[in-house]
């Protein structure tokens, strides 16, 4: 059995002051206790030991609040005391214990977590799950039909040239099976009560969907930047406190989705409707939703129901079309905790959409250059390594996939780096993410906004008009396709992990 040992150093300063212990970089309590910064430490599922060393002239004792984390040794030398706590193998649920260390009248607590035991998931052999996996690998036509300027949707407003059939042919040739086509409708609809969609805009959306159909790919369209914080008409913060406004939003949602459904009522099942994108109040899940008694979550569930009902009411192939709904901010954990699947007249035809760019300081903002278990701790985020990604996928599997409710990552990605070593960690992150999603029966759509630069928000891998690769885009595409499609028994999530950059 592979065991792990972690050593934590805590500095206690109890009267009289321990002269042999430096107090640099410590935080002091009102009572005079100085403790080095301590965060939660994580043991693997296989079990292991954690050593906690304290410095004090007074006697130090320690106590765990959980029976699975047991004190197995105490060693004292001069003013140093080292406690060893041991954990055996864990099961399929992550767990956490608190170790309280006491010296005189002072106390400090340390959180010790242990990872869950991951078992090879069994993917349901049903039509719904098969359809979800037929979507992967997927790609986003980002910052295109979702772009807007001065409140008006405009395909080229954010720097990309108009999308072409050539682009879609290239995506198909390289192994992508689906294209998510985000669409913003702001400035392209008329006034209440009809909210008529501009015909030229609807024609263009239909044309781009046709690019996917012509080369045999799936397509997803949605309502995208109309909901972005509290800036536009899908203002969930206002709707959660103003019922009249909420009813106005629902009427507009109903009108827009009815028109979209009418335009595509004879279009086959390769086309999926995604009701809404990343609905949130501007704080990305850390705002009013945390203290409003669940009202924003409830409003979003209402909006999803209205949209689904509107599509089904149009009939034609919409009666059984696959429809996708997203939880709050499309955040996986908030979705698991608060999304209520709409009541649907078509059985087994709903998908759940989530997004992830975590850890964001690596994948999105490029604050850090490395990621994962082989990374330099000084060059990576303090959270979000492989266990986080795998745990997120496992949680989605437990909540949805195992119950034959299909899930897809409508957006994920990692920005381009200039340095070769940093780029190697980007490639590793993308491969691990895609392989983790596939292992747990979840489809994955890479976010490509066409930005060919370096650093924050630079996700571009392919030119949206010509189909030419940007930077090392072809290499990135090959990694995505391999991780989502390769079924070789030797190519596993563990084998990806074992081949992390050194």
Protein backbone atom coordinates (compact mmCIF):
# COMPACT_ATOMS: atom_id res chain seq x y z
CA UNK A 1 0.00 0.00 0.00
CA UNK A 2 1.31 3.44 -0.92
CA UNK A 3 1.45 5.64 2.19
CA UNK A 4 1.82 9.38 2.52
CA UNK A 5 3.48 11.45 5.22
CA UNK A 6 2.89 15.16 5.63
CA UNK A 7 4.75 17.34 8.10
CA UNK A 8 3.25 20.56 9.41
CA UNK A 9 5.17 23.03 11.56
CA UNK A 10 3.24 25.18 14.02
CA UNK A 11 4.98 27.82 16.08
CA UNK A 12 3.56 28.37 19.54
CA UNK A 13 4.83 31.32 21.56
CA UNK A 14 3.69 30.83 25.14
CA UNK A 15 5.01 32.79 28.12
CA UNK A 16 7.86 32.62 28.74
CA UNK A 17 8.84 33.05 25.08
CA UNK A 18 10.64 30.10 23.50
CA UNK A 19 13.93 31.62 22.43
CA UNK A 20 14.81 28.82 20.04
CA UNK A 21 11.77 29.39 17.82
CA UNK A 22 11.60 32.18 15.26
CA UNK A 23 8.35 34.10 15.12
CA UNK A 24 8.83 35.36 11.57
CA UNK A 25 5.79 35.13 9.28
CA UNK A 26 3.43 34.27 12.12
CA UNK A 27 -0.02 35.48 13.04
CA UNK A 28 -0.61 36.38 16.68
CA UNK A 29 -3.81 35.93 18.65
CA UNK A 30 -5.00 38.42 21.25
CA UNK A 31 -3.70 36.06 23.94
CA UNK A 32 -0.19 36.14 22.50
CA UNK A 33 -0.13 32.82 20.61
CA UNK A 34 1.73 33.06 17.32
CA UNK A 35 1.00 30.39 14.73
CA UNK A 36 2.41 29.95 11.25
CA UNK A 37 -0.24 30.14 8.55
CA UNK A 38 -2.05 26.80 8.51
CA UNK A 39 -4.45 25.53 5.86
CA UNK A 40 -6.23 22.21 5.37
CA UNK A 41 -3.95 19.31 4.51
CA UNK A 42 -5.11 16.34 2.45
CA UNK A 43 -4.18 12.68 2.77
CA UNK A 44 -4.73 10.23 -0.10
CA UNK A 45 -7.45 7.58 -0.01
CA UNK A 46 -4.79 4.91 0.57
CA UNK A 47 -4.12 6.37 3.99
CA UNK A 48 -1.00 7.81 5.54
CA UNK A 49 0.46 9.87 8.34
CA UNK A 50 0.61 13.55 9.14
CA UNK A 51 3.23 14.98 11.47
CA UNK A 52 2.51 18.20 13.35
CA UNK A 53 5.49 19.85 15.03
CA UNK A 54 5.00 22.58 17.65
CA UNK A 55 7.47 24.85 19.41
CA UNK A 56 6.71 25.96 22.96
CA UNK A 57 8.29 26.17 26.41
CA UNK A 58 5.02 24.80 27.79
CA UNK A 59 3.67 21.31 27.36
CA UNK A 60 1.69 20.80 24.15
CA UNK A 61 -1.12 18.28 23.74
CA UNK A 62 -3.18 17.35 20.70
CA UNK A 63 -6.57 15.80 20.07
CA UNK A 64 -8.41 14.62 16.94
CA UNK A 65 -12.19 14.99 16.79
CA UNK A 66 -12.59 11.95 14.50
CA UNK A 67 -11.89 8.32 15.32
CA UNK A 68 -10.44 7.62 11.84
CA UNK A 69 -7.53 10.00 12.46
CA UNK A 70 -5.58 8.51 15.37
CA UNK A 71 -2.63 9.88 17.31
CA UNK A 72 0.06 7.19 16.97
CA UNK A 73 3.19 8.87 18.28
CA UNK A 74 4.44 11.85 20.31
CA UNK A 75 8.08 12.89 20.26
CA UNK A 76 9.49 15.67 22.43
CA UNK A 77 12.95 17.18 22.15
CA UNK A 78 13.87 20.43 23.91
CA UNK A 79 11.06 22.84 23.04
CA UNK A 80 9.76 20.87 20.04
CA UNK A 81 6.87 18.45 20.16
CA UNK A 82 5.92 16.35 17.15
CA UNK A 83 2.57 14.56 16.99
CA UNK A 84 1.98 11.84 14.41
CA UNK A 85 -1.60 11.14 13.35
CA UNK A 86 -2.43 8.16 11.14
CA UNK A 87 -5.36 7.42 8.83
CA UNK A 88 -6.20 4.05 7.27
CA UNK A 89 -7.69 3.53 3.82
CA UNK A 90 -10.79 5.55 3.10
CA UNK A 91 -14.01 4.58 1.31
CA UNK A 92 -15.99 6.37 -1.39
CA UNK A 93 -16.74 9.51 0.66
CA UNK A 94 -14.20 12.21 1.40
CA UNK A 95 -13.80 13.00 5.08
CA UNK A 96 -12.31 15.66 7.33
CA UNK A 97 -11.04 15.78 10.89
CA UNK A 98 -9.91 18.64 13.10
CA UNK A 99 -6.79 18.32 15.22
CA UNK A 100 -6.76 20.74 18.16
CA UNK A 101 -3.36 21.59 19.63
CA UNK A 102 -3.19 23.07 23.12
CA UNK A 103 -0.37 24.85 24.94
CA UNK A 104 -1.19 26.57 28.21
CA UNK A 105 -4.34 28.59 27.57
CA UNK A 106 -3.76 28.68 23.81
CA UNK A 107 -5.39 26.50 21.15
CA UNK A 108 -5.08 26.15 17.41
CA UNK A 109 -6.99 23.88 15.04
CA UNK A 110 -5.73 22.16 11.91
CA UNK A 111 -8.05 20.61 9.31
CA UNK A 112 -6.90 17.25 7.95
CA UNK A 113 -8.82 15.95 4.94
CA UNK A 114 -8.69 12.55 3.31
CA UNK A 115 -9.59 11.90 -0.31
CA UNK A 116 -12.37 9.53 -1.28
CA UNK A 117 -11.73 6.14 -2.82
CA UNK A 118 -12.51 6.35 -6.52
CA UNK A 119 -13.94 3.26 -8.16
CA UNK A 120 -14.25 2.72 -11.89
CA UNK A 121 -17.71 4.08 -12.73
CA UNK A 122 -20.25 2.06 -14.67
CA UNK A 123 -21.75 4.23 -17.39
CA UNK A 124 -25.46 3.47 -18.02
CA UNK A 125 -26.10 1.84 -21.41
CA UNK A 126 -29.11 3.91 -22.37
CA UNK A 127 -30.07 6.12 -25.28
CA UNK A 128 -29.73 9.30 -23.19
CA UNK A 129 -26.22 8.50 -22.02
CA UNK A 130 -25.23 7.33 -25.49
CA UNK A 131 -26.45 10.61 -26.93
CA UNK A 132 -24.44 12.63 -24.41
CA UNK A 133 -21.27 10.72 -25.22
CA UNK A 134 -21.92 11.19 -28.94
CA UNK A 135 -21.41 14.91 -28.33
CA UNK A 136 -17.80 14.61 -27.16
CA UNK A 137 -15.29 15.92 -28.00
CA UNK A 138 -16.96 19.29 -28.47
CA UNK A 139 -15.79 22.79 -29.32
CA UNK A 140 -17.18 26.27 -28.66
CA UNK A 141 -17.63 28.91 -31.33
CA UNK A 142 -16.97 31.46 -28.59
CA UNK A 143 -17.07 35.26 -28.86
CA UNK A 144 -18.85 34.90 -32.18
CA UNK A 145 -22.65 34.94 -32.36
CA UNK A 146 -22.59 35.71 -28.63
CA UNK A 147 -20.56 38.91 -29.19
CA UNK A 148 -22.28 42.26 -28.79
CA UNK A 149 -21.57 45.96 -28.86
CA UNK A 150 -23.63 48.70 -27.20
CA UNK A 151 -26.33 46.20 -26.33
CA UNK A 152 -26.67 44.79 -29.85
CA UNK A 153 -25.53 41.30 -30.83
CA UNK A 154 -22.91 41.45 -33.60
CA UNK A 155 -20.92 38.46 -34.83
CA UNK A 156 -17.68 40.34 -35.50
CA UNK A 157 -17.88 42.82 -32.59
CA UNK A 158 -15.16 41.09 -30.56
CA UNK A 159 -12.56 40.61 -33.26
CA UNK A 160 -13.43 37.33 -34.93
CA UNK A 161 -14.29 37.26 -38.61
CA UNK A 162 -17.55 35.62 -39.68
CA UNK A 163 -17.66 31.85 -39.20
CA UNK A 164 -17.56 29.70 -42.34
CA UNK A 165 -18.26 26.20 -43.59
CA UNK A 166 -14.50 25.82 -43.96
CA UNK A 167 -14.10 26.13 -40.19
CA UNK A 168 -16.68 23.43 -39.49
CA UNK A 169 -15.15 21.12 -42.08
CA UNK A 170 -11.79 21.48 -40.34
CA UNK A 171 -13.32 20.74 -36.93
CA UNK A 172 -14.94 17.61 -38.32
CA UNK A 173 -11.72 16.50 -40.01
CA UNK A 174 -9.78 16.81 -36.77
CA UNK A 175 -12.24 14.66 -34.80
CA UNK A 176 -14.67 17.04 -33.10
CA UNK A 177 -18.22 15.71 -32.99
CA UNK A 178 -20.10 18.78 -31.84
CA UNK A 179 -20.03 22.57 -31.88
CA UNK A 180 -21.64 24.68 -29.18
CA UNK A 181 -22.80 27.92 -30.82
CA UNK A 182 -23.46 30.52 -28.10
CA UNK A 183 -25.97 33.15 -29.26
CA UNK A 184 -26.79 36.56 -27.82
CA UNK A 185 -30.20 37.97 -28.75
CA UNK A 186 -29.87 41.45 -27.21
CA UNK A 187 -30.73 44.24 -29.62
CA UNK A 188 -32.14 41.66 -32.02
CA UNK A 189 -35.62 41.42 -30.53
CA UNK A 190 -38.53 43.82 -30.66
CA UNK A 191 -40.67 45.19 -27.87
CA UNK A 192 -43.20 43.42 -25.65
CA UNK A 193 -45.39 41.54 -25.88
CA UNK A 194 -44.14 39.72 -28.99
CA UNK A 195 -40.39 40.31 -28.67
CA UNK A 196 -40.02 39.51 -32.35
CA UNK A 197 -36.54 38.33 -33.32
CA UNK A 198 -34.85 40.15 -36.18
CA UNK A 199 -35.23 37.89 -39.20
CA UNK A 200 -31.71 38.48 -40.54
CA UNK A 201 -30.22 37.51 -37.17
CA UNK A 202 -32.31 34.35 -36.99
CA UNK A 203 -31.29 33.53 -40.56
CA UNK A 204 -27.62 33.83 -39.64
CA UNK A 205 -28.05 31.54 -36.63
CA UNK A 206 -29.79 29.01 -38.85
CA UNK A 207 -27.00 29.27 -41.43
CA UNK A 208 -24.29 28.54 -38.87
CA UNK A 209 -26.29 25.60 -37.48
CA UNK A 210 -26.47 24.43 -41.10
CA UNK A 211 -22.66 24.39 -41.27
CA UNK A 212 -22.67 21.75 -38.54
CA UNK A 213 -25.45 19.76 -40.19
CA UNK A 214 -23.72 19.74 -43.56
CA UNK A 215 -20.57 18.09 -42.19
CA UNK A 216 -22.38 15.69 -39.88
CA UNK A 217 -21.76 17.37 -36.52
CA UNK A 218 -24.04 18.02 -33.57
CA UNK A 219 -24.84 21.61 -32.62
CA UNK A 220 -25.99 23.42 -29.49
CA UNK A 221 -27.51 26.90 -29.47
CA UNK A 222 -28.59 28.90 -26.46
CA UNK A 223 -29.40 32.29 -24.93
CA UNK A 224 -25.93 33.46 -23.88
CA UNK A 225 -24.84 36.98 -22.88
CA UNK A 226 -28.40 38.24 -22.39
CA UNK A 227 -27.73 36.92 -18.90
CA UNK A 228 -24.46 38.25 -17.51
CA UNK A 229 -24.59 39.43 -13.92
CA UNK A 230 -27.16 42.16 -13.45
CA UNK A 231 -26.23 44.13 -16.57
CA UNK A 232 -28.84 42.86 -19.03
CA UNK A 233 -32.45 41.74 -19.17
CA UNK A 234 -31.86 38.30 -17.60
CA UNK A 235 -31.23 40.07 -14.29
CA UNK A 236 -31.74 37.40 -11.66
CA UNK A 237 -30.91 39.69 -8.76
CA UNK A 238 -33.76 42.03 -9.71
CA UNK A 239 -36.12 39.22 -10.60
CA UNK A 240 -35.58 37.57 -7.22
CA UNK A 241 -36.87 40.67 -5.38
CA UNK A 242 -39.35 42.07 -7.93
CA UNK A 243 -42.04 39.58 -8.98
CA UNK A 244 -43.42 41.89 -11.66
CA UNK A 245 -40.00 41.99 -13.28
CA UNK A 246 -39.67 38.23 -12.93
CA UNK A 247 -42.93 37.78 -14.83
CA UNK A 248 -41.68 40.14 -17.53
CA UNK A 249 -38.49 38.09 -17.92
CA UNK A 250 -40.48 34.86 -18.15
CA UNK A 251 -42.71 36.32 -20.83
CA UNK A 252 -39.68 37.35 -22.86
CA UNK A 253 -38.03 33.96 -22.39
CA UNK A 254 -41.21 32.25 -23.53
CA UNK A 255 -41.43 34.44 -26.63
CA UNK A 256 -37.80 34.00 -27.66
CA UNK A 257 -37.70 30.25 -27.20
CA UNK A 258 -41.04 29.85 -28.97
CA UNK A 259 -39.64 31.62 -32.02
CA UNK A 260 -36.37 29.66 -31.98
CA UNK A 261 -38.30 26.41 -31.66
CA UNK A 262 -40.62 27.40 -34.51
CA UNK A 263 -37.67 28.13 -36.82
CA UNK A 264 -36.09 24.74 -36.09
CA UNK A 265 -39.23 22.63 -35.59
CA UNK A 266 -38.30 20.36 -38.53
CA UNK A 267 -34.59 20.14 -37.67
CA UNK A 268 -33.32 16.75 -36.56
CA UNK A 269 -31.89 15.72 -33.20
CA UNK A 270 -28.35 16.76 -34.05
CA UNK A 271 -29.47 20.17 -32.73
CA UNK A 272 -29.72 20.70 -28.97
CA UNK A 273 -31.30 23.73 -27.31
CA UNK A 274 -29.50 24.96 -24.18
CA UNK A 275 -31.98 27.14 -22.30
CA UNK A 276 -29.63 29.55 -20.53
CA UNK A 277 -25.90 30.10 -20.01
CA UNK A 278 -24.24 31.32 -16.77
CA UNK A 279 -27.07 33.00 -14.91
CA UNK A 280 -25.76 34.72 -11.75
CA UNK A 281 -25.90 38.10 -10.02
CA UNK A 282 -22.40 39.26 -10.94
CA UNK A 283 -20.52 37.56 -8.11
CA UNK A 284 -20.22 34.15 -9.77
CA UNK A 285 -21.91 32.23 -6.99
CA UNK A 286 -20.45 34.22 -4.11
CA UNK A 287 -23.06 36.97 -3.94
CA UNK A 288 -26.68 37.36 -2.94
CA UNK A 289 -27.43 33.75 -3.75
CA UNK A 290 -25.68 32.78 -0.50
CA UNK A 291 -27.95 34.80 1.80
CA UNK A 292 -31.31 35.25 0.06
CA UNK A 293 -32.88 32.06 1.33
CA UNK A 294 -32.49 30.34 -2.02
CA UNK A 295 -34.61 32.84 -3.92
CA UNK A 296 -32.22 33.26 -6.87
CA UNK A 297 -31.94 29.48 -7.24
CA UNK A 298 -35.72 29.25 -7.23
CA UNK A 299 -36.09 31.94 -9.90
CA UNK A 300 -33.58 30.20 -12.15
CA UNK A 301 -35.51 26.94 -11.80
CA UNK A 302 -38.65 28.83 -12.84
CA UNK A 303 -36.87 30.24 -15.91
CA UNK A 304 -35.66 26.81 -16.99
CA UNK A 305 -39.19 25.45 -16.68
CA UNK A 306 -40.65 28.27 -18.76
CA UNK A 307 -38.08 27.75 -21.52
CA UNK A 308 -38.60 23.99 -21.67
CA UNK A 309 -42.37 24.40 -21.76
CA UNK A 310 -42.13 26.96 -24.56
CA UNK A 311 -40.04 24.66 -26.75
CA UNK A 312 -42.20 21.60 -26.19
CA UNK A 313 -45.40 23.56 -26.94
CA UNK A 314 -44.24 24.35 -30.48
CA UNK A 315 -44.24 20.67 -31.38
CA UNK A 316 -42.70 19.11 -34.44
CA UNK A 317 -39.29 17.64 -33.62
CA UNK A 318 -39.16 19.93 -30.60
CA UNK A 319 -41.55 17.54 -28.87
CA UNK A 320 -38.66 15.15 -28.22
CA UNK A 321 -35.57 17.27 -28.90
CA UNK A 322 -32.80 17.06 -26.31
CA UNK A 323 -32.86 20.19 -24.15
CA UNK A 324 -30.16 21.32 -21.74
CA UNK A 325 -30.48 23.25 -18.49
CA UNK A 326 -27.77 24.81 -16.35
CA UNK A 327 -27.67 25.55 -12.65
CA UNK A 328 -26.60 28.78 -11.01
CA UNK A 329 -23.55 30.23 -12.77
CA UNK A 330 -23.27 26.80 -14.44
CA UNK A 331 -21.11 25.97 -11.41
CA UNK A 332 -20.96 22.19 -10.87
CA UNK A 333 -21.42 22.23 -7.09
CA UNK A 334 -24.16 24.88 -7.14
CA UNK A 335 -25.86 22.88 -9.88
CA UNK A 336 -25.70 19.69 -7.82
CA UNK A 337 -27.00 21.50 -4.78
CA UNK A 338 -29.75 23.69 -6.22
CA UNK A 339 -30.82 22.80 -9.76
CA UNK A 340 -34.29 21.32 -10.02
CA UNK A 341 -34.79 19.54 -13.32
CA UNK A 342 -37.86 20.91 -15.12
CA UNK A 343 -40.93 18.77 -15.49
CA UNK A 344 -40.80 17.55 -19.07
CA UNK A 345 -43.37 15.99 -21.37
CA UNK A 346 -40.60 14.02 -23.11
CA UNK A 347 -39.07 11.32 -20.92
CA UNK A 348 -35.28 11.19 -20.63
CA UNK A 349 -34.59 14.10 -22.97
CA UNK A 350 -33.01 16.61 -20.57
CA UNK A 351 -29.28 17.21 -20.24
CA UNK A 352 -27.44 19.13 -17.53
CA UNK A 353 -24.82 21.70 -18.58
CA UNK A 354 -21.99 22.80 -16.29
CA UNK A 355 -18.83 24.85 -16.80
CA UNK A 356 -15.40 24.74 -15.16
CA UNK A 357 -12.21 26.76 -15.50
CA UNK A 358 -10.90 25.73 -12.10
CA UNK A 359 -8.53 26.51 -10.62
CA UNK A 360 -9.19 29.84 -12.32
CA UNK A 361 -5.85 31.37 -11.35
CA UNK A 362 -4.20 28.74 -13.52
CA UNK A 363 -6.67 27.89 -16.28
CA UNK A 364 -8.32 31.27 -16.83
CA UNK A 365 -6.21 34.10 -15.41
CA UNK A 366 -2.73 32.59 -15.92
CA UNK A 367 -1.58 33.84 -12.52
CA UNK A 368 0.25 30.52 -12.07
CA UNK A 369 2.28 28.60 -14.62
CA UNK A 370 2.05 25.05 -13.28
CA UNK A 371 -0.65 22.62 -12.16
CA UNK A 372 -0.98 19.18 -10.63
CA UNK A 373 0.98 16.84 -8.40
CA UNK A 374 4.34 17.38 -10.13
CA UNK A 375 4.13 21.18 -10.14
CA UNK A 376 6.40 23.44 -8.12
CA UNK A 377 4.27 24.45 -5.09
CA UNK A 378 5.44 28.03 -5.52
CA UNK A 379 4.15 28.13 -9.10
CA UNK A 380 0.69 26.66 -8.68
CA UNK A 381 -2.59 27.48 -6.97
CA UNK A 382 -3.13 26.16 -3.44
CA UNK A 383 -6.13 24.10 -4.58
CA UNK A 384 -7.65 22.52 -7.66
CA UNK A 385 -5.20 19.75 -8.52
CA UNK A 386 -6.10 16.38 -10.03
CA UNK A 387 -8.18 15.23 -7.08
CA UNK A 388 -10.36 18.31 -7.39
CA UNK A 389 -11.03 17.68 -11.10
CA UNK A 390 -11.67 13.98 -10.55
CA UNK A 391 -13.85 14.68 -7.52
CA UNK A 392 -15.93 17.20 -9.46
CA UNK A 393 -16.54 14.66 -12.23
CA UNK A 394 -17.30 11.91 -9.71
CA UNK A 395 -19.82 14.14 -7.92
CA UNK A 396 -21.57 14.89 -11.22
CA UNK A 397 -21.58 11.18 -12.01
CA UNK A 398 -23.11 10.32 -8.64
CA UNK A 399 -25.80 12.99 -8.88
CA UNK A 400 -26.75 12.67 -12.56
CA UNK A 401 -24.92 10.25 -14.87
CA UNK A 402 -25.41 7.20 -12.65
CA UNK A 403 -29.15 7.99 -12.72
CA UNK A 404 -29.15 8.25 -16.54
CA UNK A 405 -29.28 12.05 -16.59
CA UNK A 406 -26.68 13.15 -19.19
CA UNK A 407 -24.16 15.85 -18.31
CA UNK A 408 -21.74 17.89 -20.39
CA UNK A 409 -19.14 20.52 -19.66
CA UNK A 410 -20.47 23.22 -21.96
CA UNK A 411 -17.28 25.16 -21.31
CA UNK A 412 -13.81 24.28 -20.07
CA UNK A 413 -10.36 25.37 -21.19
CA UNK A 414 -6.89 26.58 -20.30
CA UNK A 415 -5.14 29.63 -21.71
CA UNK A 416 -2.02 29.62 -23.90
CA UNK A 417 1.44 30.17 -22.40
CA UNK A 418 4.59 31.48 -24.04
CA UNK A 419 7.08 29.33 -22.13
CA UNK A 420 7.52 25.67 -23.05
CA UNK A 421 7.38 24.34 -19.48
CA UNK A 422 4.26 26.34 -18.63
CA UNK A 423 2.65 25.15 -21.85
CA UNK A 424 3.44 21.54 -20.91
CA UNK A 425 1.34 21.95 -17.76
CA UNK A 426 -1.44 23.52 -19.83
CA UNK A 427 -1.47 20.46 -22.09
CA UNK A 428 -1.44 18.14 -19.09
CA UNK A 429 -4.38 19.99 -17.50
CA UNK A 430 -6.44 19.78 -20.69
CA UNK A 431 -5.70 16.08 -21.14
CA UNK A 432 -6.46 15.23 -17.52
CA UNK A 433 -9.68 17.26 -17.56
CA UNK A 434 -10.95 15.61 -20.74
CA UNK A 435 -9.98 12.11 -19.63
CA UNK A 436 -11.63 12.64 -16.24
CA UNK A 437 -14.84 13.84 -17.86
CA UNK A 438 -14.88 10.91 -20.29
CA UNK A 439 -14.14 8.40 -17.51
CA UNK A 440 -17.26 9.54 -15.68
CA UNK A 441 -19.48 9.64 -18.77
CA UNK A 442 -19.46 13.41 -19.22
CA UNK A 443 -19.06 15.19 -22.56
CA UNK A 444 -16.62 18.11 -22.81
CA UNK A 445 -16.64 21.26 -24.98
CA UNK A 446 -13.43 23.30 -25.20
CA UNK A 447 -13.95 27.09 -25.02
CA UNK A 448 -12.30 28.78 -28.02
CA UNK A 449 -12.78 32.54 -28.15
CA UNK A 450 -10.40 33.03 -31.08
CA UNK A 451 -7.87 34.94 -28.95
CA UNK A 452 -4.42 33.91 -30.19
CA UNK A 453 -2.43 35.82 -27.59
CA UNK A 454 -0.72 34.67 -24.41
CA UNK A 455 -2.13 34.69 -20.90
CA UNK A 456 -5.49 35.69 -19.48
CA UNK A 457 -8.51 34.78 -21.65
CA UNK A 458 -6.27 33.58 -24.53
CA UNK A 459 -8.09 30.35 -25.40
CA UNK A 460 -7.83 30.46 -29.19
CA UNK A 461 -6.77 27.27 -30.98
CA UNK A 462 -8.32 27.73 -34.41
CA UNK A 463 -9.24 30.68 -36.63
CA UNK A 464 -13.05 30.95 -36.70
CA UNK A 465 -13.14 31.92 -40.34
CA UNK A 466 -10.30 30.16 -42.15
CA UNK A 467 -9.97 27.07 -39.97
CA UNK A 468 -6.21 27.63 -39.68
CA UNK A 469 -4.64 26.67 -36.36
CA UNK A 470 -3.51 29.35 -33.93
CA UNK A 471 -0.19 28.91 -32.11
CA UNK A 472 0.09 25.21 -31.18
CA UNK A 473 -3.65 24.80 -31.70
CA UNK A 474 -3.39 21.57 -33.66
CA UNK A 475 -1.48 19.94 -30.82
CA UNK A 476 -4.12 21.09 -28.33
CA UNK A 477 -6.92 19.79 -30.54
CA UNK A 478 -5.20 16.41 -30.88
CA UNK A 479 -4.90 16.17 -27.08
CA UNK A 480 -8.60 16.93 -26.61
CA UNK A 481 -9.71 14.43 -29.23
CA UNK A 482 -7.43 11.72 -27.87
CA UNK A 483 -8.54 12.19 -24.26
CA UNK A 484 -12.22 12.16 -25.21
CA UNK A 485 -12.10 9.38 -27.80
CA UNK A 486 -9.26 6.92 -27.15
CA UNK A 487 -10.70 3.72 -25.65
CA UNK A 488 -7.42 1.81 -25.40
CA UNK A 489 -7.49 -0.14 -22.12
CA UNK A 490 -3.96 1.04 -21.35
CA UNK A 491 -4.93 4.69 -21.72
CA UNK A 492 -6.57 5.55 -18.42
CA UNK A 493 -6.94 8.49 -16.08
CA UNK A 494 -4.18 6.97 -13.97
CA UNK A 495 -1.86 6.66 -16.97
CA UNK A 496 -2.43 10.34 -17.77
CA UNK A 497 -1.63 11.19 -14.14
CA UNK A 498 1.53 9.10 -14.24
CA UNK A 499 2.77 11.00 -17.32
CA UNK A 500 2.49 14.48 -15.83
CA UNK A 501 5.31 16.92 -16.65
CA UNK A 502 8.40 16.36 -14.53
